Amino acid sequence: MRREWRLAIGLSAAALVLAATGCIRSRVLITSDPPNATVKFQNVERGETPIAIPFIWYWYYDIALEKEGYEPVRTTERFRTPPWFLFPLDFFAELAPVPIPDTRERHYVLKPITAP
């Protein structure tokens, strides 16, 4: 077999192996009491609780919840990077053959508006 063919087969096999790997899937699961509060994530309305929202960066995120008859909740949450997603371990986490879930859970309690 010619050298070029062996190289092409080797590169194709490496590409197939990398394509079959999993990836890191980070998301935040937001719940509230009472349920069905409108959620704004980074100032973008995303839906009602309970809701799962994907995120890419481990950093600070602005979260706001609103529901008629309740005081709005506004907060900034920090999602810290898990140790296995830090260099150099992140390389192996990305190459794992299955997806690695990273689900953060946040629960907020909305207070009813009291009449003056």
N, C-alpha and C. Protein backbone atom coordinates (compact mmCIF):
# COMPACT_ATOMS: atom_id res chain seq x y z
N MET A 1 0.85 -1.17 0.00
CA MET A 1 0.00 0.00 0.00
C MET A 1 0.90 1.23 0.00
N ARG A 2 0.50 2.20 -0.75
CA ARG A 2 1.31 3.40 -0.85
C ARG A 2 1.23 4.23 0.42
N ARG A 3 2.26 4.98 0.63
CA ARG A 3 2.37 5.77 1.85
C ARG A 3 1.23 6.79 1.97
N GLU A 4 0.84 7.42 0.88
CA GLU A 4 -0.23 8.43 0.90
C GLU A 4 -1.55 7.80 1.35
N TRP A 5 -1.81 6.58 0.88
CA TRP A 5 -3.05 5.90 1.26
C TRP A 5 -3.06 5.57 2.75
N ARG A 6 -1.94 5.11 3.27
CA ARG A 6 -1.86 4.82 4.70
C ARG A 6 -2.08 6.08 5.53
N LEU A 7 -1.51 7.17 5.09
CA LEU A 7 -1.68 8.44 5.80
C LEU A 7 -3.15 8.88 5.74
N ALA A 8 -3.76 8.76 4.57
CA ALA A 8 -5.17 9.15 4.43
C ALA A 8 -6.08 8.27 5.31
N ILE A 9 -5.82 6.99 5.35
CA ILE A 9 -6.62 6.08 6.18
C ILE A 9 -6.41 6.40 7.66
N GLY A 10 -5.18 6.66 8.04
CA GLY A 10 -4.89 7.01 9.44
C GLY A 10 -5.57 8.31 9.86
N LEU A 11 -5.51 9.32 9.01
CA LEU A 11 -6.17 10.59 9.33
C LEU A 11 -7.70 10.43 9.37
N SER A 12 -8.24 9.63 8.48
CA SER A 12 -9.69 9.39 8.48
C SER A 12 -10.11 8.66 9.75
N ALA A 13 -9.33 7.69 10.18
CA ALA A 13 -9.65 6.96 11.40
C ALA A 13 -9.58 7.89 12.61
N ALA A 14 -8.58 8.76 12.66
CA ALA A 14 -8.46 9.71 13.77
C ALA A 14 -9.65 10.67 13.78
N ALA A 15 -10.08 11.13 12.61
CA ALA A 15 -11.22 12.04 12.53
C ALA A 15 -12.50 11.35 13.00
N LEU A 16 -12.67 10.07 12.65
CA LEU A 16 -13.85 9.33 13.09
C LEU A 16 -13.86 9.14 14.60
N VAL A 17 -12.70 8.85 15.18
CA VAL A 17 -12.62 8.69 16.63
C VAL A 17 -12.97 9.99 17.33
N LEU A 18 -12.44 11.10 16.85
CA LEU A 18 -12.74 12.40 17.47
C LEU A 18 -14.21 12.78 17.28
N ALA A 19 -14.79 12.43 16.15
CA ALA A 19 -16.20 12.76 15.90
C ALA A 19 -17.12 11.95 16.80
N ALA A 20 -16.68 10.81 17.26
CA ALA A 20 -17.52 9.94 18.09
C ALA A 20 -17.44 10.29 19.57
N THR A 21 -16.66 11.29 19.92
CA THR A 21 -16.50 11.63 21.33
C THR A 21 -17.67 12.45 21.83
N GLY A 22 -17.82 12.49 23.13
CA GLY A 22 -18.88 13.28 23.75
C GLY A 22 -18.41 14.70 23.97
N CYS A 23 -19.13 15.42 24.78
CA CYS A 23 -18.73 16.78 25.09
C CYS A 23 -19.32 17.16 26.44
N ILE A 24 -18.90 18.30 26.92
CA ILE A 24 -19.40 18.81 28.19
C ILE A 24 -20.70 19.55 27.93
N ARG A 25 -21.74 19.20 28.67
CA ARG A 25 -23.04 19.86 28.50
C ARG A 25 -23.42 20.53 29.80
N SER A 26 -23.26 21.84 29.84
CA SER A 26 -23.55 22.61 31.05
C SER A 26 -24.91 23.29 30.92
N ARG A 27 -25.69 23.23 32.00
CA ARG A 27 -26.99 23.89 32.01
C ARG A 27 -27.37 24.21 33.45
N VAL A 28 -28.30 25.15 33.58
CA VAL A 28 -28.81 25.50 34.90
C VAL A 28 -30.31 25.18 34.89
N LEU A 29 -30.76 24.50 35.94
CA LEU A 29 -32.16 24.18 36.11
C LEU A 29 -32.72 25.17 37.13
N ILE A 30 -33.64 26.02 36.67
CA ILE A 30 -34.21 27.06 37.52
C ILE A 30 -35.63 26.67 37.89
N THR A 31 -35.89 26.63 39.20
CA THR A 31 -37.23 26.36 39.72
C THR A 31 -37.64 27.50 40.63
N SER A 32 -38.95 27.59 40.88
CA SER A 32 -39.42 28.66 41.75
C SER A 32 -40.62 28.20 42.55
N ASP A 33 -40.85 28.93 43.63
CA ASP A 33 -42.04 28.72 44.44
C ASP A 33 -42.72 30.08 44.54
N PRO A 34 -43.84 30.31 43.92
CA PRO A 34 -44.66 29.39 43.14
C PRO A 34 -44.06 29.13 41.75
N PRO A 35 -44.48 28.03 41.12
CA PRO A 35 -43.97 27.72 39.78
C PRO A 35 -44.56 28.66 38.73
N ASN A 36 -44.09 28.50 37.52
CA ASN A 36 -44.55 29.27 36.35
C ASN A 36 -44.19 30.75 36.41
N ALA A 37 -43.08 31.08 37.05
CA ALA A 37 -42.58 32.45 37.03
C ALA A 37 -41.79 32.66 35.74
N THR A 38 -41.88 33.84 35.17
CA THR A 38 -41.14 34.17 33.95
C THR A 38 -39.67 34.37 34.29
N VAL A 39 -38.80 33.73 33.50
CA VAL A 39 -37.36 33.78 33.76
C VAL A 39 -36.66 34.59 32.68
N LYS A 40 -35.84 35.55 33.11
CA LYS A 40 -34.94 36.26 32.21
C LYS A 40 -33.53 35.84 32.59
N PHE A 41 -32.80 35.33 31.61
CA PHE A 41 -31.43 34.87 31.80
C PHE A 41 -30.54 35.75 30.94
N GLN A 42 -29.66 36.51 31.56
CA GLN A 42 -28.82 37.49 30.86
C GLN A 42 -29.70 38.49 30.11
N ASN A 43 -30.78 38.94 30.76
CA ASN A 43 -31.71 39.93 30.23
C ASN A 43 -32.48 39.47 28.99
N VAL A 44 -32.54 38.16 28.77
CA VAL A 44 -33.31 37.60 27.66
C VAL A 44 -34.36 36.68 28.25
N GLU A 45 -35.62 36.93 27.92
CA GLU A 45 -36.69 36.09 28.44
C GLU A 45 -36.57 34.69 27.84
N ARG A 46 -36.54 33.68 28.74
CA ARG A 46 -36.30 32.31 28.29
C ARG A 46 -37.49 31.39 28.48
N GLY A 47 -38.48 31.78 29.27
CA GLY A 47 -39.64 30.92 29.50
C GLY A 47 -40.06 30.97 30.95
N GLU A 48 -40.80 29.94 31.37
CA GLU A 48 -41.31 29.89 32.74
C GLU A 48 -40.68 28.72 33.50
N THR A 49 -40.65 28.89 34.82
CA THR A 49 -40.10 27.83 35.67
C THR A 49 -41.09 26.67 35.74
N PRO A 50 -40.60 25.46 35.87
CA PRO A 50 -39.19 25.05 35.85
C PRO A 50 -38.64 25.05 34.42
N ILE A 51 -37.39 25.45 34.30
CA ILE A 51 -36.76 25.56 32.98
C ILE A 51 -35.28 25.20 33.08
N ALA A 52 -34.76 24.53 32.07
CA ALA A 52 -33.34 24.20 31.97
C ALA A 52 -32.74 25.08 30.87
N ILE A 53 -31.70 25.82 31.21
CA ILE A 53 -31.08 26.76 30.27
C ILE A 53 -29.61 26.37 30.09
N PRO A 54 -29.18 26.11 28.86
CA PRO A 54 -27.75 25.80 28.64
C PRO A 54 -26.89 27.04 28.78
N PHE A 55 -25.66 26.82 29.24
CA PHE A 55 -24.69 27.91 29.29
C PHE A 55 -23.33 27.36 28.88
N ILE A 56 -22.48 28.26 28.39
CA ILE A 56 -21.18 27.84 27.87
C ILE A 56 -20.06 28.18 28.83
N TRP A 57 -20.06 29.39 29.33
CA TRP A 57 -18.95 29.88 30.15
C TRP A 57 -19.25 29.69 31.63
N TYR A 58 -18.25 29.35 32.38
CA TYR A 58 -18.35 29.33 33.84
C TYR A 58 -17.98 30.74 34.31
N TRP A 59 -19.03 31.51 34.64
CA TRP A 59 -18.82 32.90 34.99
C TRP A 59 -20.05 33.39 35.73
N TYR A 60 -20.28 34.69 35.71
CA TYR A 60 -21.43 35.31 36.37
C TYR A 60 -22.59 35.45 35.39
N TYR A 61 -23.80 35.14 35.87
CA TYR A 61 -25.00 35.26 35.03
C TYR A 61 -26.08 36.01 35.79
N ASP A 62 -26.76 36.93 35.10
CA ASP A 62 -27.88 37.66 35.68
C ASP A 62 -29.16 36.86 35.47
N ILE A 63 -29.89 36.66 36.56
CA ILE A 63 -31.14 35.91 36.52
C ILE A 63 -32.23 36.76 37.17
N ALA A 64 -33.38 36.85 36.50
CA ALA A 64 -34.51 37.59 37.05
C ALA A 64 -35.77 36.73 36.89
N LEU A 65 -36.59 36.70 37.95
CA LEU A 65 -37.87 35.99 37.91
C LEU A 65 -38.98 36.97 38.24
N GLU A 66 -40.07 36.87 37.50
CA GLU A 66 -41.22 37.74 37.72
C GLU A 66 -42.50 36.92 37.60
N LYS A 67 -43.46 37.27 38.46
CA LYS A 67 -44.78 36.66 38.38
C LYS A 67 -45.78 37.66 38.95
N GLU A 68 -46.91 37.78 38.27
CA GLU A 68 -47.92 38.74 38.70
C GLU A 68 -48.37 38.43 40.13
N GLY A 69 -48.40 39.48 40.96
CA GLY A 69 -48.81 39.34 42.35
C GLY A 69 -47.66 39.03 43.29
N TYR A 70 -46.43 38.94 42.75
CA TYR A 70 -45.25 38.62 43.56
C TYR A 70 -44.16 39.64 43.29
N GLU A 71 -43.31 39.84 44.31
CA GLU A 71 -42.16 40.72 44.14
C GLU A 71 -41.16 40.06 43.20
N PRO A 72 -40.60 40.82 42.26
CA PRO A 72 -39.61 40.22 41.36
C PRO A 72 -38.33 39.86 42.11
N VAL A 73 -37.64 38.86 41.59
CA VAL A 73 -36.35 38.44 42.14
C VAL A 73 -35.29 38.71 41.08
N ARG A 74 -34.24 39.42 41.48
CA ARG A 74 -33.12 39.69 40.58
C ARG A 74 -31.84 39.33 41.32
N THR A 75 -31.01 38.54 40.66
CA THR A 75 -29.78 38.10 41.30
C THR A 75 -28.71 37.85 40.24
N THR A 76 -27.48 37.78 40.70
CA THR A 76 -26.36 37.38 39.86
C THR A 76 -25.78 36.12 40.45
N GLU A 77 -25.72 35.07 39.64
CA GLU A 77 -25.19 33.79 40.09
C GLU A 77 -23.84 33.54 39.44
N ARG A 78 -22.94 32.94 40.20
CA ARG A 78 -21.65 32.55 39.66
C ARG A 78 -21.61 31.04 39.53
N PHE A 79 -21.31 30.58 38.35
CA PHE A 79 -21.14 29.14 38.12
C PHE A 79 -19.65 28.86 38.05
N ARG A 80 -19.17 28.18 39.06
CA ARG A 80 -17.74 27.87 39.12
C ARG A 80 -17.42 26.63 38.28
N THR A 81 -16.22 26.61 37.76
CA THR A 81 -15.78 25.50 36.93
C THR A 81 -15.46 24.29 37.80
N PRO A 82 -16.03 23.11 37.48
CA PRO A 82 -15.65 21.90 38.22
C PRO A 82 -14.18 21.56 37.95
N PRO A 83 -13.50 20.95 38.91
CA PRO A 83 -12.07 20.67 38.75
C PRO A 83 -11.75 19.83 37.51
N TRP A 84 -12.63 18.90 37.13
CA TRP A 84 -12.34 18.03 36.00
C TRP A 84 -12.52 18.75 34.66
N PHE A 85 -13.00 20.00 34.67
CA PHE A 85 -13.11 20.77 33.46
C PHE A 85 -12.00 21.81 33.34
N LEU A 86 -11.01 21.75 34.23
CA LEU A 86 -9.88 22.67 34.19
C LEU A 86 -8.72 22.05 33.43
N PHE A 87 -7.85 22.88 32.90
CA PHE A 87 -6.66 22.42 32.18
C PHE A 87 -5.76 21.64 33.12
N PRO A 88 -5.21 20.51 32.75
CA PRO A 88 -5.26 19.80 31.49
C PRO A 88 -6.36 18.73 31.43
N LEU A 89 -7.12 18.57 32.52
CA LEU A 89 -8.15 17.52 32.55
C LEU A 89 -9.27 17.77 31.56
N ASP A 90 -9.50 19.03 31.17
CA ASP A 90 -10.59 19.33 30.25
C ASP A 90 -10.38 18.67 28.88
N PHE A 91 -9.14 18.49 28.49
CA PHE A 91 -8.85 17.82 27.22
C PHE A 91 -9.43 16.41 27.22
N PHE A 92 -9.23 15.69 28.31
CA PHE A 92 -9.73 14.32 28.38
C PHE A 92 -11.25 14.28 28.55
N ALA A 93 -11.81 15.28 29.24
CA ALA A 93 -13.26 15.35 29.39
C ALA A 93 -13.93 15.57 28.04
N GLU A 94 -13.32 16.39 27.19
CA GLU A 94 -13.87 16.63 25.86
C GLU A 94 -13.76 15.39 24.97
N LEU A 95 -12.76 14.57 25.21
CA LEU A 95 -12.57 13.37 24.38
C LEU A 95 -13.33 12.15 24.90
N ALA A 96 -14.00 12.28 26.02
CA ALA A 96 -14.75 11.14 26.57
C ALA A 96 -15.80 10.69 25.55
N PRO A 97 -16.04 9.39 25.45
CA PRO A 97 -16.98 8.88 24.44
C PRO A 97 -18.46 9.13 24.78
N VAL A 98 -18.74 9.70 25.92
CA VAL A 98 -20.12 10.00 26.31
C VAL A 98 -20.21 11.46 26.75
N PRO A 99 -21.38 12.08 26.61
CA PRO A 99 -21.52 13.46 27.10
C PRO A 99 -21.38 13.52 28.61
N ILE A 100 -20.76 14.57 29.10
CA ILE A 100 -20.59 14.76 30.54
C ILE A 100 -21.56 15.86 30.97
N PRO A 101 -22.62 15.50 31.71
CA PRO A 101 -23.57 16.53 32.12
C PRO A 101 -23.06 17.34 33.31
N ASP A 102 -23.36 18.61 33.30
CA ASP A 102 -23.04 19.50 34.41
C ASP A 102 -24.27 20.36 34.63
N THR A 103 -25.17 19.91 35.50
CA THR A 103 -26.42 20.62 35.74
C THR A 103 -26.36 21.33 37.08
N ARG A 104 -26.52 22.65 37.04
CA ARG A 104 -26.59 23.46 38.25
C ARG A 104 -28.06 23.68 38.55
N GLU A 105 -28.43 23.61 39.82
CA GLU A 105 -29.82 23.83 40.20
C GLU A 105 -29.93 25.09 41.05
N ARG A 106 -30.89 25.93 40.70
CA ARG A 106 -31.16 27.15 41.46
C ARG A 106 -32.66 27.21 41.72
N HIS A 107 -33.03 27.44 43.00
CA HIS A 107 -34.43 27.53 43.39
C HIS A 107 -34.64 28.90 44.04
N TYR A 108 -35.70 29.58 43.62
CA TYR A 108 -36.01 30.91 44.13
C TYR A 108 -37.42 30.93 44.70
N VAL A 109 -37.58 31.63 45.80
CA VAL A 109 -38.89 31.79 46.44
C VAL A 109 -39.34 33.23 46.21
N LEU A 110 -40.48 33.39 45.56
CA LEU A 110 -41.03 34.71 45.31
C LEU A 110 -42.00 35.06 46.43
N LYS A 111 -41.87 36.29 46.97
CA LYS A 111 -42.72 36.73 48.06
C LYS A 111 -43.95 37.45 47.49
N PRO A 112 -45.13 37.16 48.06
CA PRO A 112 -46.32 37.86 47.59
C PRO A 112 -46.21 39.36 47.89
N ILE A 113 -46.80 40.15 47.00
CA ILE A 113 -46.84 41.60 47.23
C ILE A 113 -47.87 41.86 48.32
N THR A 114 -47.45 42.59 49.33
CA THR A 114 -48.37 42.90 50.42
C THR A 114 -49.03 44.24 50.18
N ALA A 115 -50.32 44.32 50.47
CA ALA A 115 -51.06 45.57 50.29
C ALA A 115 -50.66 46.56 51.38
N PRO A 116 -50.48 47.85 51.04
CA PRO A 116 -50.05 48.83 52.05
C PRO A 116 -51.11 49.12 53.09
